[in-house]
Amino acid sequence: MQTRTYGDLFKLIQSLAGVGSFAPTEADDIANLINRRFLQAFNESPIWPRYFVPSEKRDILPLTLSGATASTSVNVNQNYKLLGSNDGNVGKVGTNVYQGAGITATDGTVSATDTIIYKNSSNAWVVETGASANVQSDGAYRVTAGTPQFTEADTNKKDNITEVETFTARDSSTDSLLVEGKNLIPYAQAGKSTIGSFNRIFRKQAFLNNSAHEYEFFVDFTGANILNVVSTTDNAAFVSYKKEFTPFTITVSNPVVVLDFTSSTVEVPAEFFAYIAHATYADFLRMDGQTDKAFAEENTAAGALALELEKVDIISNNNTVNKRFSTYVNRQSR
């Protein structure tokens, strides 16, 4: 997609203002206003082609663990993804194996991914750090044991880890492990763009050939929580989303030198270029007390953005990507 440079944008704003260059303090204000208008344009549509990702495969994280302290291992406190079935070399054959997703349950910081949850040979659920699980030729996972941090202590062992009533900590501490069942898709996943806002979630890849079952979901600060997953063995879903907003970052000397802005080669989306220029100039006019001229310039900016939004409606096929059909059976992508 086409781009312009930040330097060209800044020079155009200077030309609209009729100045050879802004004073250093004004230049810093203009840079802040540019980012403000950039964010406004970004938020005008959920399906800007530059930022929209259709039906990308993402991990479903069905477990969230909390309650561990440094006396056992804080790496236990995170979200977990389902890998698959245990091959029985270590642990009970045919039972689920989970791996830490590397994202903590609370603040989204990166944690260790070498924490494995599985049923041991005594049919008890164990949470082990320094462990691993590797897929075999038959699709099952082979566990390499680590250090047990928590072990199921229930007399009658539970099939589902979320039903376990008591865990015994490795060092007999007072840690009380809490296992919460979820169907979470977090905003961040290694190797993929960070999600800014969720659009739609499907069980299988959508917008390709056949219809795909579409999930209802709600969003909290950890990500999207899927409602009524079709199968408890599903460990991934396909998400249509908008990437997170990243403001322009221009490296400037101290004190600010206007040349740093006018010579910048940072890329500016061409579809936002005219809007940002005229809208920022309107803000500059308001700063200068020229409200009538600012109002006229604001209309020019709005017209430029409206033309780009019209293109999005036509090119992106709004009826398919951003909307869904409702039937008495289900809502599906067609």
Protein backbone atom coordinates (compact mmCIF):
# COMPACT_ATOMS: atom_id res chain seq x y z
CA MET A 1 0.00 0.00 0.00
CA GLN A 2 1.15 3.54 -0.70
CA THR A 3 2.85 5.67 1.93
CA ARG A 4 4.21 9.20 2.23
CA THR A 5 6.92 10.42 4.59
CA TYR A 6 6.47 12.22 7.88
CA GLY A 7 8.79 14.92 6.56
CA ASP A 8 6.43 15.58 3.63
CA LEU A 9 3.49 15.74 6.03
CA PHE A 10 5.21 18.23 8.31
CA LYS A 11 6.30 20.41 5.38
CA LEU A 12 2.73 20.46 4.02
CA ILE A 13 1.39 21.63 7.37
CA GLN A 14 4.03 24.38 7.41
CA SER A 15 2.97 25.40 3.90
CA LEU A 16 -0.70 25.51 4.88
CA ALA A 17 0.25 27.68 7.86
CA GLY A 18 2.29 29.95 5.58
CA VAL A 19 5.45 29.76 7.65
CA GLY A 20 8.98 28.93 6.63
CA SER A 21 9.33 26.80 9.73
CA PHE A 22 7.68 26.44 13.11
CA ALA A 23 9.38 27.56 16.27
CA PRO A 24 10.80 24.61 18.26
CA THR A 25 7.97 24.72 20.83
CA GLU A 26 5.37 24.95 18.06
CA ALA A 27 6.98 22.04 16.22
CA ASP A 28 6.63 19.84 19.28
CA ASP A 29 2.96 20.83 19.60
CA ILE A 30 2.35 20.06 15.91
CA ALA A 31 3.92 16.62 16.35
CA ASN A 32 1.54 15.88 19.22
CA LEU A 33 -1.44 17.10 17.19
CA ILE A 34 -0.39 14.90 14.25
CA ASN A 35 -0.55 11.82 16.47
CA ARG A 36 -3.92 12.95 17.84
CA ARG A 37 -5.35 13.21 14.32
CA PHE A 38 -3.66 9.97 13.27
CA LEU A 39 -5.50 8.18 16.09
CA GLN A 40 -8.80 9.79 15.07
CA ALA A 41 -8.43 8.55 11.50
CA PHE A 42 -7.37 5.10 12.70
CA ASN A 43 -10.51 4.80 14.85
CA GLU A 44 -12.91 5.81 12.08
CA SER A 45 -13.17 2.26 10.68
CA PRO A 46 -12.63 -1.24 12.10
CA ILE A 47 -11.58 -2.53 8.68
CA TRP A 48 -8.95 -0.21 7.28
CA PRO A 49 -7.20 -2.57 4.81
CA ARG A 50 -3.77 -1.61 6.16
CA TYR A 51 -4.64 -2.64 9.71
CA PHE A 52 -7.30 -5.33 9.27
CA VAL A 53 -6.31 -9.02 9.55
CA PRO A 54 -8.98 -11.51 8.41
CA SER A 55 -9.36 -14.94 9.98
CA GLU A 56 -5.91 -15.49 11.49
CA LYS A 57 -5.28 -18.65 13.51
CA ARG A 58 -4.82 -17.93 17.22
CA ASP A 59 -4.34 -20.15 20.28
CA ILE A 60 -7.26 -20.71 22.62
CA LEU A 61 -6.09 -20.63 26.24
CA PRO A 62 -8.49 -22.79 28.29
CA LEU A 63 -6.78 -22.46 31.69
CA THR A 64 -5.64 -19.63 33.94
CA LEU A 65 -3.59 -20.45 37.05
CA SER A 66 -2.91 -18.15 40.00
CA GLY A 67 -1.95 -18.38 43.66
CA ALA A 68 1.69 -19.50 43.40
CA THR A 69 4.36 -17.45 45.16
CA ALA A 70 8.13 -17.37 45.01
CA SER A 71 8.19 -20.18 47.57
CA THR A 72 7.11 -22.53 44.78
CA SER A 73 7.32 -20.86 41.37
CA VAL A 74 5.60 -17.70 40.15
CA ASN A 75 5.98 -19.03 36.58
CA VAL A 76 2.97 -21.19 37.39
CA ASN A 77 0.80 -18.04 37.43
CA GLN A 78 -0.13 -17.69 33.78
CA ASN A 79 -2.47 -18.77 31.00
CA TYR A 80 -2.19 -22.23 29.43
CA LYS A 81 -2.89 -23.66 26.01
CA LEU A 82 -3.97 -27.22 25.24
CA LEU A 83 -1.30 -29.10 23.32
CA GLY A 84 -3.08 -32.43 22.86
CA SER A 85 -3.16 -35.98 24.23
CA ASN A 86 -0.41 -37.60 26.34
CA ASP A 87 1.36 -40.53 24.62
CA GLY A 88 1.79 -42.26 28.01
CA ASN A 89 5.60 -42.41 28.03
CA VAL A 90 5.50 -40.10 31.08
CA GLY A 91 2.11 -39.79 32.74
CA LYS A 92 -1.29 -41.23 31.92
CA VAL A 93 -1.94 -42.05 28.27
CA GLY A 94 -4.79 -40.27 26.51
CA THR A 95 -5.12 -37.39 28.99
CA ASN A 96 -4.70 -33.70 28.19
CA VAL A 97 -1.33 -31.97 28.21
CA TYR A 98 -1.20 -28.19 28.71
CA GLN A 99 1.68 -25.76 28.24
CA GLY A 100 2.24 -22.30 29.67
CA ALA A 101 1.48 -19.69 27.02
CA GLY A 102 4.16 -17.29 28.21
CA ILE A 103 1.58 -14.64 29.21
CA THR A 104 0.70 -14.07 32.85
CA ALA A 105 -2.89 -14.21 33.98
CA THR A 106 -3.01 -10.63 35.23
CA ASP A 107 -0.90 -8.04 33.45
CA GLY A 108 0.08 -9.60 30.13
CA THR A 109 3.80 -9.74 30.87
CA VAL A 110 5.85 -12.56 29.42
CA SER A 111 6.44 -15.59 31.63
CA ALA A 112 8.20 -18.93 31.12
CA THR A 113 6.78 -21.40 28.60
CA ASP A 114 8.45 -24.45 30.18
CA THR A 115 5.58 -25.08 32.62
CA ILE A 116 3.62 -28.23 31.73
CA ILE A 117 0.38 -29.57 33.22
CA TYR A 118 -0.46 -33.25 32.83
CA LYS A 119 -1.72 -36.34 34.68
CA ASN A 120 1.10 -38.37 36.23
CA SER A 121 1.27 -42.16 36.55
CA SER A 122 -0.74 -41.93 39.80
CA ASN A 123 -3.58 -40.27 37.86
CA ALA A 124 -3.00 -36.97 39.66
CA TRP A 125 -2.77 -33.62 37.91
CA VAL A 126 0.68 -32.06 38.28
CA VAL A 127 2.04 -28.62 37.41
CA GLU A 128 5.76 -28.86 36.60
CA THR A 129 8.31 -26.18 35.76
CA GLY A 130 11.38 -26.92 33.68
CA ALA A 131 9.34 -29.48 31.74
CA SER A 132 8.52 -29.88 28.05
CA ALA A 133 6.19 -31.76 25.72
CA ASN A 134 6.94 -32.65 22.11
CA VAL A 135 4.58 -33.90 19.45
CA GLN A 136 5.11 -37.44 18.14
CA SER A 137 4.46 -38.95 14.72
CA ASP A 138 0.97 -40.06 15.77
CA GLY A 139 0.03 -36.56 16.92
CA ALA A 140 0.25 -37.34 20.66
CA TYR A 141 2.56 -35.41 22.98
CA ARG A 142 5.48 -36.90 24.93
CA VAL A 143 6.21 -35.20 28.25
CA THR A 144 9.70 -34.65 29.60
CA ALA A 145 9.23 -34.26 33.33
CA GLY A 146 10.49 -31.23 35.26
CA THR A 147 10.09 -30.10 38.88
CA PRO A 148 6.57 -30.65 40.31
CA GLN A 149 5.31 -27.40 41.86
CA PHE A 150 1.73 -28.50 42.58
CA THR A 151 0.18 -31.97 42.72
CA GLU A 152 -3.49 -32.92 42.95
CA ALA A 153 -4.27 -34.13 46.50
CA ASP A 154 -7.93 -35.16 46.04
CA THR A 155 -8.67 -38.75 47.08
CA ASN A 156 -10.93 -39.21 44.08
CA LYS A 157 -8.86 -37.93 41.16
CA LYS A 158 -10.67 -35.59 38.80
CA ASP A 159 -10.84 -35.97 35.03
CA ASN A 160 -10.93 -32.19 34.58
CA ILE A 161 -8.26 -30.10 36.28
CA THR A 162 -10.74 -27.27 36.92
CA GLU A 163 -12.65 -29.64 39.23
CA VAL A 164 -9.64 -30.39 41.49
CA GLU A 165 -10.37 -29.26 45.04
CA THR A 166 -6.89 -29.36 46.62
CA PHE A 167 -3.34 -29.07 45.33
CA THR A 168 -0.28 -29.81 47.43
CA ALA A 169 2.59 -27.35 46.94
CA ARG A 170 6.12 -28.64 46.41
CA ASP A 171 7.56 -27.07 49.57
CA SER A 172 4.48 -27.63 51.78
CA SER A 173 3.87 -23.87 51.74
CA THR A 174 0.50 -22.25 52.22
CA ASP A 175 0.15 -21.54 48.50
CA SER A 176 -3.41 -22.10 47.35
CA LEU A 177 -3.45 -22.81 43.62
CA LEU A 178 -6.51 -21.53 41.77
CA VAL A 179 -7.31 -23.09 38.40
CA GLU A 180 -9.88 -21.19 36.36
CA GLY A 181 -11.42 -22.51 33.17
CA LYS A 182 -11.57 -20.08 30.26
CA ASN A 183 -11.63 -20.01 26.49
CA LEU A 184 -9.39 -17.00 26.12
CA ILE A 185 -7.71 -15.52 23.07
CA PRO A 186 -5.20 -12.95 24.38
CA TYR A 187 -4.28 -9.75 22.60
CA ALA A 188 -0.65 -10.86 22.19
CA GLN A 189 0.75 -14.09 20.79
CA ALA A 190 4.38 -14.75 19.88
CA GLY A 191 5.13 -14.29 16.19
CA LYS A 192 1.87 -12.45 15.43
CA SER A 193 0.71 -8.84 15.45
CA THR A 194 -0.82 -7.61 18.70
CA ILE A 195 -4.60 -7.33 18.48
CA GLY A 196 -5.98 -3.83 18.97
CA SER A 197 -9.65 -4.73 18.72
CA PHE A 198 -11.49 -7.99 18.00
CA ASN A 199 -13.87 -8.07 15.06
CA ARG A 200 -15.12 -11.65 14.60
CA ILE A 201 -14.04 -15.13 15.74
CA PHE A 202 -14.59 -18.38 13.81
CA ARG A 203 -14.00 -22.05 14.56
CA LYS A 204 -12.36 -22.69 11.18
CA GLN A 205 -10.76 -20.44 8.59
CA ALA A 206 -13.35 -18.06 7.18
CA PHE A 207 -13.60 -16.00 3.98
CA LEU A 208 -11.94 -18.75 1.96
CA ASN A 209 -14.19 -21.52 0.69
CA ASN A 210 -16.94 -22.90 2.91
CA SER A 211 -18.97 -21.33 5.69
CA ALA A 212 -17.41 -21.37 9.16
CA HIS A 213 -19.07 -21.55 12.54
CA GLU A 214 -18.88 -18.13 14.18
CA TYR A 215 -18.47 -17.69 17.93
CA GLU A 216 -20.06 -15.18 20.25
CA PHE A 217 -17.52 -13.62 22.62
CA PHE A 218 -16.96 -10.87 25.15
CA VAL A 219 -13.80 -8.84 25.65
CA ASP A 220 -12.02 -7.99 28.90
CA PHE A 221 -8.56 -6.60 29.65
CA THR A 222 -6.94 -10.01 29.02
CA GLY A 223 -8.47 -10.62 25.58
CA ALA A 224 -11.55 -12.18 23.97
CA ASN A 225 -13.46 -14.85 25.90
CA ILE A 226 -15.25 -17.27 23.56
CA LEU A 227 -18.70 -18.51 24.53
CA ASN A 228 -19.67 -22.15 23.98
CA VAL A 229 -16.66 -23.62 22.21
CA VAL A 230 -17.88 -26.41 19.93
CA SER A 231 -15.33 -28.96 21.15
CA THR A 232 -13.20 -28.98 24.28
CA THR A 233 -10.36 -30.43 22.18
CA ASP A 234 -10.24 -27.33 19.96
CA ASN A 235 -7.03 -25.50 20.80
CA ALA A 236 -7.25 -22.71 18.22
CA ALA A 237 -9.74 -20.36 16.59
CA PHE A 238 -9.57 -17.95 13.66
CA VAL A 239 -9.77 -14.29 14.56
CA SER A 240 -10.53 -11.29 12.39
CA TYR A 241 -9.12 -8.24 14.10
CA LYS A 242 -7.71 -4.76 13.80
CA LYS A 243 -4.07 -4.25 14.72
CA GLU A 244 -3.21 -2.04 17.66
CA PHE A 245 -2.52 1.64 17.09
CA THR A 246 1.11 2.72 17.00
CA PRO A 247 1.71 6.49 17.02
CA PHE A 248 4.44 8.13 14.97
CA THR A 249 7.75 8.20 16.83
CA ILE A 250 10.20 10.79 15.58
CA THR A 251 13.70 10.98 17.03
CA VAL A 252 14.52 14.61 17.77
CA SER A 253 17.55 16.32 19.23
CA ASN A 254 17.45 18.15 22.53
CA PRO A 255 16.29 20.88 22.35
CA VAL A 256 13.80 20.09 19.57
CA VAL A 257 15.07 20.96 16.10
CA VAL A 258 12.42 21.44 13.42
CA LEU A 259 14.73 19.87 10.85
CA ASP A 260 14.28 16.54 12.68
CA PHE A 261 10.58 16.58 11.77
CA THR A 262 10.86 17.89 8.20
CA SER A 263 13.57 15.38 7.25
CA SER A 264 11.96 12.32 8.86
CA THR A 265 11.40 9.30 6.60
CA VAL A 266 8.91 7.61 8.95
CA GLU A 267 6.10 6.23 6.80
CA VAL A 268 2.66 7.86 6.88
CA PRO A 269 -0.31 5.93 5.41
CA ALA A 270 -1.23 7.67 2.17
CA GLU A 271 -4.94 7.24 2.91
CA PHE A 272 -4.57 9.39 6.04
CA PHE A 273 -2.13 11.94 4.65
CA ALA A 274 -4.53 14.68 3.50
CA TYR A 275 -6.79 14.31 6.54
CA ILE A 276 -3.94 14.54 9.05
CA ALA A 277 -2.42 17.56 7.29
CA HIS A 278 -5.61 19.63 7.09
CA ALA A 279 -6.92 18.54 10.50
CA THR A 280 -3.62 19.35 12.20
CA TYR A 281 -3.58 22.73 10.46
CA ALA A 282 -7.09 23.32 11.81
CA ASP A 283 -5.79 22.59 15.29
CA PHE A 284 -2.95 25.03 14.72
CA LEU A 285 -5.44 27.73 13.71
CA ARG A 286 -7.38 27.14 16.93
CA MET A 287 -4.15 27.48 18.89
CA ASP A 288 -3.71 30.85 17.17
CA GLY A 289 -7.27 31.94 17.93
CA GLN A 290 -8.44 31.76 14.30
CA THR A 291 -11.55 29.69 15.00
CA ASP A 292 -13.48 30.61 11.83
CA LYS A 293 -10.62 29.55 9.58
CA ALA A 294 -10.18 26.43 11.70
CA PHE A 295 -13.80 25.46 11.14
CA ALA A 296 -13.41 25.71 7.35
CA GLU A 297 -10.18 23.71 7.44
CA GLU A 298 -11.85 21.06 9.59
CA ASN A 299 -14.48 20.61 6.86
CA THR A 300 -11.73 20.12 4.28
CA ALA A 301 -10.14 17.46 6.46
CA ALA A 302 -13.46 15.70 7.04
CA GLY A 303 -14.09 15.59 3.29
CA ALA A 304 -10.70 13.99 2.65
CA LEU A 305 -11.34 11.29 5.27
CA ALA A 306 -14.88 10.66 4.00
CA LEU A 307 -13.51 9.84 0.53
CA GLU A 308 -11.14 7.27 2.02
CA LEU A 309 -13.90 5.72 4.13
CA GLU A 310 -16.05 5.36 1.01
CA LYS A 311 -13.25 3.41 -0.64
CA VAL A 312 -13.10 1.09 2.37
CA ASP A 313 -16.84 0.39 2.13
CA ILE A 314 -16.52 -0.54 -1.53
CA ILE A 315 -13.19 -2.41 -1.63
CA SER A 316 -13.47 -4.34 1.64
CA ASN A 317 -16.97 -5.69 0.89
CA ASN A 318 -18.45 -4.54 4.17
CA ASN A 319 -21.32 -7.05 4.03
CA THR A 320 -18.92 -10.00 4.21
CA VAL A 321 -15.97 -8.94 6.33
CA ASN A 322 -17.61 -6.74 8.93
CA LYS A 323 -21.15 -8.14 9.12
CA ARG A 324 -22.71 -11.56 9.50
CA PHE A 325 -25.83 -13.38 8.43
CA SER A 326 -28.33 -14.40 11.08
CA THR A 327 -30.25 -17.65 10.69
CA TYR A 328 -32.39 -19.62 13.09
CA VAL A 329 -29.54 -22.12 13.44
CA ASN A 330 -26.49 -19.94 13.82
CA ARG A 331 -24.62 -16.90 12.60
CA GLN A 332 -22.14 -17.83 9.93
CA SER A 333 -19.67 -16.38 7.49
CA ARG A 334 -20.87 -17.03 3.95
